[in-house]
Amino acid sequence: MLALGAREEKDPKTLGELFYLCCDEIEDIRFAEAVLLIMELFASTLNKQFLLSEEQIQQFLIRFLNSYLLF
């Protein structure tokens, strides 16, 4: 394990800590933001695939969320 660790620290082909440094720079999105992004993508898909109006999509999403919240 020590040899592997030494190789990773010296080998220019490995990224070493670069991966972790990049991960620290990326802001984590909150759960609510992720759900909102999914719902927006879903609404966009409904609009493109089924040619639904914004009002129809909103009504569908409201019914969908209400049925989920009742369980």
PDB file of N, CA and C in Angstrom:
ATOM      1  N   MET A   1       0.829  -1.190   0.000  1.00  0.00           N
ATOM      2  CA  MET A   1       0.000   0.000   0.000  1.00  0.00           C
ATOM      3  C   MET A   1       0.869   1.247   0.000  1.00  0.00           C
ATOM      4  N   LEU A   2       1.999   1.176   0.676  1.00  0.00           N
ATOM      5  CA  LEU A   2       2.892   2.333   0.680  1.00  0.00           C
ATOM      6  C   LEU A   2       3.452   2.614  -0.709  1.00  0.00           C
ATOM      7  N   ALA A   3       3.792   1.556  -1.450  1.00  0.00           N
ATOM      8  CA  ALA A   3       4.320   1.726  -2.805  1.00  0.00           C
ATOM      9  C   ALA A   3       3.268   2.344  -3.715  1.00  0.00           C
ATOM     10  N   LEU A   4       2.040   1.897  -3.573  1.00  0.00           N
ATOM     11  CA  LEU A   4       0.956   2.458  -4.376  1.00  0.00           C
ATOM     12  C   LEU A   4       0.757   3.931  -4.046  1.00  0.00           C
ATOM     13  N   GLY A   5       0.767   4.253  -2.775  1.00  0.00           N
ATOM     14  CA  GLY A   5       0.627   5.655  -2.370  1.00  0.00           C
ATOM     15  C   GLY A   5       1.750   6.510  -2.905  1.00  0.00           C
ATOM     16  N   ALA A   6       2.987   6.012  -2.835  1.00  0.00           N
ATOM     17  CA  ALA A   6       4.131   6.767  -3.353  1.00  0.00           C
ATOM     18  C   ALA A   6       4.006   6.952  -4.862  1.00  0.00           C
ATOM     19  N   ARG A   7       3.565   5.925  -5.570  1.00  0.00           N
ATOM     20  CA  ARG A   7       3.413   6.018  -7.029  1.00  0.00           C
ATOM     21  C   ARG A   7       2.374   7.067  -7.395  1.00  0.00           C
ATOM     22  N   GLU A   8       1.263   7.063  -6.681  1.00  0.00           N
ATOM     23  CA  GLU A   8       0.201   8.013  -6.992  1.00  0.00           C
ATOM     24  C   GLU A   8       0.640   9.450  -6.732  1.00  0.00           C
ATOM     25  N   GLU A   9       1.490   9.654  -5.775  1.00  0.00           N
ATOM     26  CA  GLU A   9       1.958  11.002  -5.473  1.00  0.00           C
ATOM     27  C   GLU A   9       2.980  11.501  -6.491  1.00  0.00           C
ATOM     28  N   LYS A  10       3.726  10.588  -7.135  1.00  0.00           N
ATOM     29  CA  LYS A  10       4.795  10.989  -8.037  1.00  0.00           C
ATOM     30  C   LYS A  10       4.453  10.807  -9.509  1.00  0.00           C
ATOM     31  N   ASP A  11       3.499   9.959  -9.809  1.00  0.00           N
ATOM     32  CA  ASP A  11       3.172   9.637 -11.192  1.00  0.00           C
ATOM     33  C   ASP A  11       2.355  10.775 -11.810  1.00  0.00           C
ATOM     34  N   PRO A  12       2.846  11.407 -12.871  1.00  0.00           N
ATOM     35  CA  PRO A  12       2.102  12.520 -13.482  1.00  0.00           C
ATOM     36  C   PRO A  12       0.820  12.065 -14.172  1.00  0.00           C
ATOM     37  N   LYS A  13       0.657  10.748 -14.376  1.00  0.00           N
ATOM     38  CA  LYS A  13      -0.554  10.264 -15.033  1.00  0.00           C
ATOM     39  C   LYS A  13      -1.751  10.231 -14.083  1.00  0.00           C
ATOM     40  N   THR A  14      -1.519  10.293 -12.798  1.00  0.00           N
ATOM     41  CA  THR A  14      -2.628  10.269 -11.846  1.00  0.00           C
ATOM     42  C   THR A  14      -2.997  11.686 -11.459  1.00  0.00           C
ATOM     43  N   LEU A  15      -4.201  11.854 -11.026  1.00  0.00           N
ATOM     44  CA  LEU A  15      -4.686  13.184 -10.670  1.00  0.00           C
ATOM     45  C   LEU A  15      -4.458  13.521  -9.207  1.00  0.00           C
ATOM     46  N   GLY A  16      -4.212  12.509  -8.394  1.00  0.00           N
ATOM     47  CA  GLY A  16      -3.967  12.769  -6.979  1.00  0.00           C
ATOM     48  C   GLY A  16      -5.093  13.545  -6.335  1.00  0.00           C
ATOM     49  N   GLU A  17      -4.764  14.651  -5.725  1.00  0.00           N
ATOM     50  CA  GLU A  17      -5.756  15.452  -5.007  1.00  0.00           C
ATOM     51  C   GLU A  17      -6.558  16.370  -5.914  1.00  0.00           C
ATOM     52  N   LEU A  18      -6.225  16.414  -7.191  1.00  0.00           N
ATOM     53  CA  LEU A  18      -6.933  17.312  -8.107  1.00  0.00           C
ATOM     54  C   LEU A  18      -8.434  17.022  -8.116  1.00  0.00           C
ATOM     55  N   PHE A  19      -8.804  15.745  -8.085  1.00  0.00           N
ATOM     56  CA  PHE A  19     -10.217  15.377  -8.073  1.00  0.00           C
ATOM     57  C   PHE A  19     -10.921  15.978  -6.861  1.00  0.00           C
ATOM     58  N   TYR A  20     -10.302  15.835  -5.711  1.00  0.00           N
ATOM     59  CA  TYR A  20     -10.917  16.345  -4.489  1.00  0.00           C
ATOM     60  C   TYR A  20     -10.966  17.861  -4.459  1.00  0.00           C
ATOM     61  N   LEU A  21      -9.957  18.515  -5.009  1.00  0.00           N
ATOM     62  CA  LEU A  21      -9.965  19.972  -5.069  1.00  0.00           C
ATOM     63  C   LEU A  21     -11.087  20.471  -5.969  1.00  0.00           C
ATOM     64  N   CYS A  22     -11.325  19.787  -7.077  1.00  0.00           N
ATOM     65  CA  CYS A  22     -12.416  20.168  -7.978  1.00  0.00           C
ATOM     66  C   CYS A  22     -13.769  19.947  -7.311  1.00  0.00           C
ATOM     67  N   CYS A  23     -13.884  18.861  -6.579  1.00  0.00           N
ATOM     68  CA  CYS A  23     -15.147  18.575  -5.901  1.00  0.00           C
ATOM     69  C   CYS A  23     -15.466  19.637  -4.859  1.00  0.00           C
ATOM     70  N   ASP A  24     -14.452  20.152  -4.200  1.00  0.00           N
ATOM     71  CA  ASP A  24     -14.665  21.189  -3.202  1.00  0.00           C
ATOM     72  C   ASP A  24     -15.172  22.472  -3.841  1.00  0.00           C
ATOM     73  N   GLU A  25     -14.810  22.702  -5.091  1.00  0.00           N
ATOM     74  CA  GLU A  25     -15.210  23.920  -5.782  1.00  0.00           C
ATOM     75  C   GLU A  25     -16.649  23.874  -6.270  1.00  0.00           C
ATOM     76  N   ILE A  26     -17.175  22.677  -6.469  1.00  0.00           N
ATOM     77  CA  ILE A  26     -18.535  22.535  -6.985  1.00  0.00           C
ATOM     78  C   ILE A  26     -19.513  22.696  -5.828  1.00  0.00           C
ATOM     79  N   GLU A  27     -20.445  23.620  -6.010  1.00  0.00           N
ATOM     80  CA  GLU A  27     -21.433  23.851  -4.956  1.00  0.00           C
ATOM     81  C   GLU A  27     -22.492  22.755  -5.013  1.00  0.00           C
ATOM     82  N   ASP A  28     -22.775  22.185  -3.878  1.00  0.00           N
ATOM     83  CA  ASP A  28     -23.823  21.174  -3.802  1.00  0.00           C
ATOM     84  C   ASP A  28     -25.175  21.848  -3.945  1.00  0.00           C
ATOM     85  N   ILE A  29     -26.030  21.258  -4.760  1.00  0.00           N
ATOM     86  CA  ILE A  29     -27.378  21.796  -4.855  1.00  0.00           C
ATOM     87  C   ILE A  29     -28.237  21.144  -3.794  1.00  0.00           C
ATOM     88  N   ARG A  30     -29.156  21.904  -3.298  1.00  0.00           N
ATOM     89  CA  ARG A  30     -30.042  21.383  -2.266  1.00  0.00           C
ATOM     90  C   ARG A  30     -31.078  20.459  -2.885  1.00  0.00           C
ATOM     91  N   PHE A  31     -31.667  19.635  -2.057  1.00  0.00           N
ATOM     92  CA  PHE A  31     -32.675  18.680  -2.511  1.00  0.00           C
ATOM     93  C   PHE A  31     -33.819  19.391  -3.210  1.00  0.00           C
ATOM     94  N   ALA A  32     -34.287  20.488  -2.648  1.00  0.00           N
ATOM     95  CA  ALA A  32     -35.414  21.224  -3.230  1.00  0.00           C
ATOM     96  C   ALA A  32     -35.060  21.746  -4.618  1.00  0.00           C
ATOM     97  N   GLU A  33     -33.837  22.211  -4.797  1.00  0.00           N
ATOM     98  CA  GLU A  33     -33.405  22.693  -6.109  1.00  0.00           C
ATOM     99  C   GLU A  33     -33.351  21.552  -7.117  1.00  0.00           C
ATOM    100  N   ALA A  34     -32.907  20.390  -6.665  1.00  0.00           N
ATOM    101  CA  ALA A  34     -32.840  19.227  -7.552  1.00  0.00           C
ATOM    102  C   ALA A  34     -34.239  18.802  -7.988  1.00  0.00           C
ATOM    103  N   VAL A  35     -35.188  18.785  -7.051  1.00  0.00           N
ATOM    104  CA  VAL A  35     -36.562  18.423  -7.390  1.00  0.00           C
ATOM    105  C   VAL A  35     -37.148  19.440  -8.358  1.00  0.00           C
ATOM    106  N   LEU A  36     -36.880  20.709  -8.133  1.00  0.00           N
ATOM    107  CA  LEU A  36     -37.375  21.756  -9.032  1.00  0.00           C
ATOM    108  C   LEU A  36     -36.813  21.577 -10.437  1.00  0.00           C
ATOM    109  N   LEU A  37     -35.529  21.266 -10.544  1.00  0.00           N
ATOM    110  CA  LEU A  37     -34.927  21.032 -11.856  1.00  0.00           C
ATOM    111  C   LEU A  37     -35.576  19.835 -12.561  1.00  0.00           C
ATOM    112  N   ILE A  38     -35.851  18.785 -11.824  1.00  0.00           N
ATOM    113  CA  ILE A  38     -36.500  17.606 -12.402  1.00  0.00           C
ATOM    114  C   ILE A  38     -37.912  17.954 -12.864  1.00  0.00           C
ATOM    115  N   MET A  39     -38.652  18.699 -12.061  1.00  0.00           N
ATOM    116  CA  MET A  39     -40.016  19.081 -12.431  1.00  0.00           C
ATOM    117  C   MET A  39     -40.013  19.975 -13.668  1.00  0.00           C
ATOM    118  N   GLU A  40     -39.051  20.884 -13.776  1.00  0.00           N
ATOM    119  CA  GLU A  40     -38.961  21.747 -14.957  1.00  0.00           C
ATOM    120  C   GLU A  40     -38.649  20.935 -16.206  1.00  0.00           C
ATOM    121  N   LEU A  41     -37.771  19.958 -16.074  1.00  0.00           N
ATOM    122  CA  LEU A  41     -37.452  19.083 -17.196  1.00  0.00           C
ATOM    123  C   LEU A  41     -38.669  18.254 -17.590  1.00  0.00           C
ATOM    124  N   PHE A  42     -39.398  17.765 -16.609  1.00  0.00           N
ATOM    125  CA  PHE A  42     -40.610  16.992 -16.856  1.00  0.00           C
ATOM    126  C   PHE A  42     -41.650  17.852 -17.578  1.00  0.00           C
ATOM    127  N   ALA A  43     -41.843  19.085 -17.118  1.00  0.00           N
ATOM    128  CA  ALA A  43     -42.803  19.994 -17.754  1.00  0.00           C
ATOM    129  C   ALA A  43     -42.389  20.309 -19.190  1.00  0.00           C
ATOM    130  N   SER A  44     -41.122  20.524 -19.405  1.00  0.00           N
ATOM    131  CA  SER A  44     -40.621  20.794 -20.752  1.00  0.00           C
ATOM    132  C   SER A  44     -40.856  19.607 -21.679  1.00  0.00           C
ATOM    133  N   THR A  45     -40.645  18.407 -21.161  1.00  0.00           N
ATOM    134  CA  THR A  45     -40.871  17.196 -21.951  1.00  0.00           C
ATOM    135  C   THR A  45     -42.342  17.031 -22.286  1.00  0.00           C
ATOM    136  N   LEU A  46     -43.218  17.299 -21.313  1.00  0.00           N
ATOM    137  CA  LEU A  46     -44.656  17.233 -21.575  1.00  0.00           C
ATOM    138  C   LEU A  46     -45.052  18.212 -22.666  1.00  0.00           C
ATOM    139  N   ASN A  47     -44.486  19.397 -22.603  1.00  0.00           N
ATOM    140  CA  ASN A  47     -44.800  20.425 -23.591  1.00  0.00           C
ATOM    141  C   ASN A  47     -44.347  20.005 -24.988  1.00  0.00           C
ATOM    142  N   LYS A  48     -43.156  19.455 -25.105  1.00  0.00           N
ATOM    143  CA  LYS A  48     -42.609  19.076 -26.416  1.00  0.00           C
ATOM    144  C   LYS A  48     -43.253  17.815 -26.974  1.00  0.00           C
ATOM    145  N   GLN A  49     -43.450  16.806 -26.136  1.00  0.00           N
ATOM    146  CA  GLN A  49     -43.938  15.516 -26.616  1.00  0.00           C
ATOM    147  C   GLN A  49     -45.451  15.483 -26.823  1.00  0.00           C
ATOM    148  N   PHE A  50     -46.188  16.140 -25.947  1.00  0.00           N
ATOM    149  CA  PHE A  50     -47.644  16.045 -26.001  1.00  0.00           C
ATOM    150  C   PHE A  50     -48.316  17.361 -26.377  1.00  0.00           C
ATOM    151  N   LEU A  51     -47.510  18.383 -26.658  1.00  0.00           N
ATOM    152  CA  LEU A  51     -48.011  19.689 -27.078  1.00  0.00           C
ATOM    153  C   LEU A  51     -49.067  20.239 -26.119  1.00  0.00           C
ATOM    154  N   LEU A  52     -48.796  20.105 -24.826  1.00  0.00           N
ATOM    155  CA  LEU A  52     -49.703  20.611 -23.803  1.00  0.00           C
ATOM    156  C   LEU A  52     -49.417  22.083 -23.549  1.00  0.00           C
ATOM    157  N   SER A  53     -50.462  22.819 -23.181  1.00  0.00           N
ATOM    158  CA  SER A  53     -50.282  24.225 -22.833  1.00  0.00           C
ATOM    159  C   SER A  53     -49.661  24.338 -21.437  1.00  0.00           C
ATOM    160  N   GLU A  54     -49.179  25.510 -21.122  1.00  0.00           N
ATOM    161  CA  GLU A  54     -48.600  25.737 -19.793  1.00  0.00           C
ATOM    162  C   GLU A  54     -49.633  25.488 -18.698  1.00  0.00           C
ATOM    163  N   GLU A  55     -50.872  25.899 -18.958  1.00  0.00           N
ATOM    164  CA  GLU A  55     -51.934  25.706 -17.967  1.00  0.00           C
ATOM    165  C   GLU A  55     -52.207  24.219 -17.750  1.00  0.00           C
ATOM    166  N   GLN A  56     -52.246  23.434 -18.821  1.00  0.00           N
ATOM    167  CA  GLN A  56     -52.468  21.997 -18.697  1.00  0.00           C
ATOM    168  C   GLN A  56     -51.328  21.332 -17.932  1.00  0.00           C
ATOM    169  N   ILE A  57     -50.120  21.764 -18.219  1.00  0.00           N
ATOM    170  CA  ILE A  57     -48.956  21.204 -17.524  1.00  0.00           C
ATOM    171  C   ILE A  57     -49.008  21.537 -16.048  1.00  0.00           C
ATOM    172  N   GLN A  58     -49.337  22.786 -15.717  1.00  0.00           N
ATOM    173  CA  GLN A  58     -49.427  23.195 -14.314  1.00  0.00           C
ATOM    174  C   GLN A  58     -50.497  22.377 -13.579  1.00  0.00           C
ATOM    175  N   GLN A  59     -51.656  22.186 -14.221  1.00  0.00           N
ATOM    176  CA  GLN A  59     -52.721  21.397 -13.606  1.00  0.00           C
ATOM    177  C   GLN A  59     -52.267  19.954 -13.387  1.00  0.00           C
ATOM    178  N   PHE A  60     -51.579  19.395 -14.370  1.00  0.00           N
ATOM    179  CA  PHE A  60     -51.083  18.031 -14.247  1.00  0.00           C
ATOM    180  C   PHE A  60     -50.081  17.914 -13.104  1.00  0.00           C
ATOM    181  N   LEU A  61     -49.145  18.859 -13.020  1.00  0.00           N
ATOM    182  CA  LEU A  61     -48.133  18.824 -11.962  1.00  0.00           C
ATOM    183  C   LEU A  61     -48.767  18.981 -10.581  1.00  0.00           C
ATOM    184  N   ILE A  62     -49.764  19.844 -10.481  1.00  0.00           N
ATOM    185  CA  ILE A  62     -50.456  20.034  -9.203  1.00  0.00           C
ATOM    186  C   ILE A  62     -51.161  18.748  -8.783  1.00  0.00           C
ATOM    187  N   ARG A  63     -51.852  18.104  -9.737  1.00  0.00           N
ATOM    188  CA  ARG A  63     -52.515  16.834  -9.432  1.00  0.00           C
ATOM    189  C   ARG A  63     -51.501  15.765  -9.057  1.00  0.00           C
ATOM    190  N   PHE A  64     -50.404  15.728  -9.771  1.00  0.00           N
ATOM    191  CA  PHE A  64     -49.352  14.747  -9.491  1.00  0.00           C
ATOM    192  C   PHE A  64     -48.785  14.935  -8.084  1.00  0.00           C
ATOM    193  N   LEU A  65     -48.443  16.173  -7.748  1.00  0.00           N
ATOM    194  CA  LEU A  65     -47.879  16.444  -6.423  1.00  0.00           C
ATOM    195  C   LEU A  65     -48.887  16.194  -5.323  1.00  0.00           C
ATOM    196  N   ASN A  66     -50.145  16.559  -5.549  1.00  0.00           N
ATOM    197  CA  ASN A  66     -51.180  16.328  -4.545  1.00  0.00           C
ATOM    198  C   ASN A  66     -51.409  14.837  -4.304  1.00  0.00           C
ATOM    199  N   SER A  67     -51.358  14.049  -5.366  1.00  0.00           N
ATOM    200  CA  SER A  67     -51.544  12.610  -5.176  1.00  0.00           C
ATOM    201  C   SER A  67     -50.364  12.008  -4.440  1.00  0.00           C
ATOM    202  N   TYR A  68     -49.177  12.538  -4.651  1.00  0.00           N
ATOM    203  CA  TYR A  68     -48.000  12.051  -3.945  1.00  0.00           C
ATOM    204  C   TYR A  68     -48.064  12.434  -2.473  1.00  0.00           C
ATOM    205  N   LEU A  69     -48.492  13.653  -2.181  1.00  0.00           N
ATOM    206  CA  LEU A  69     -48.512  14.139  -0.806  1.00  0.00           C
ATOM    207  C   LEU A  69     -49.589  13.463   0.030  1.00  0.00           C
ATOM    208  N   LEU A  70     -50.605  12.917  -0.617  1.00  0.00           N
ATOM    209  CA  LEU A  70     -51.684  12.262   0.128  1.00  0.00           C
ATOM    210  C   LEU A  70     -51.278  10.893   0.650  1.00  0.00           C
ATOM    211  N   PHE A  71     -50.243  10.297   0.082  1.00  0.00           N
ATOM    212  CA  PHE A  71     -49.814   8.972   0.525  1.00  0.00           C
ATOM    213  C   PHE A  71     -48.961   9.101   1.709  1.00  0.00           C
TER     214      PHE A  71
END
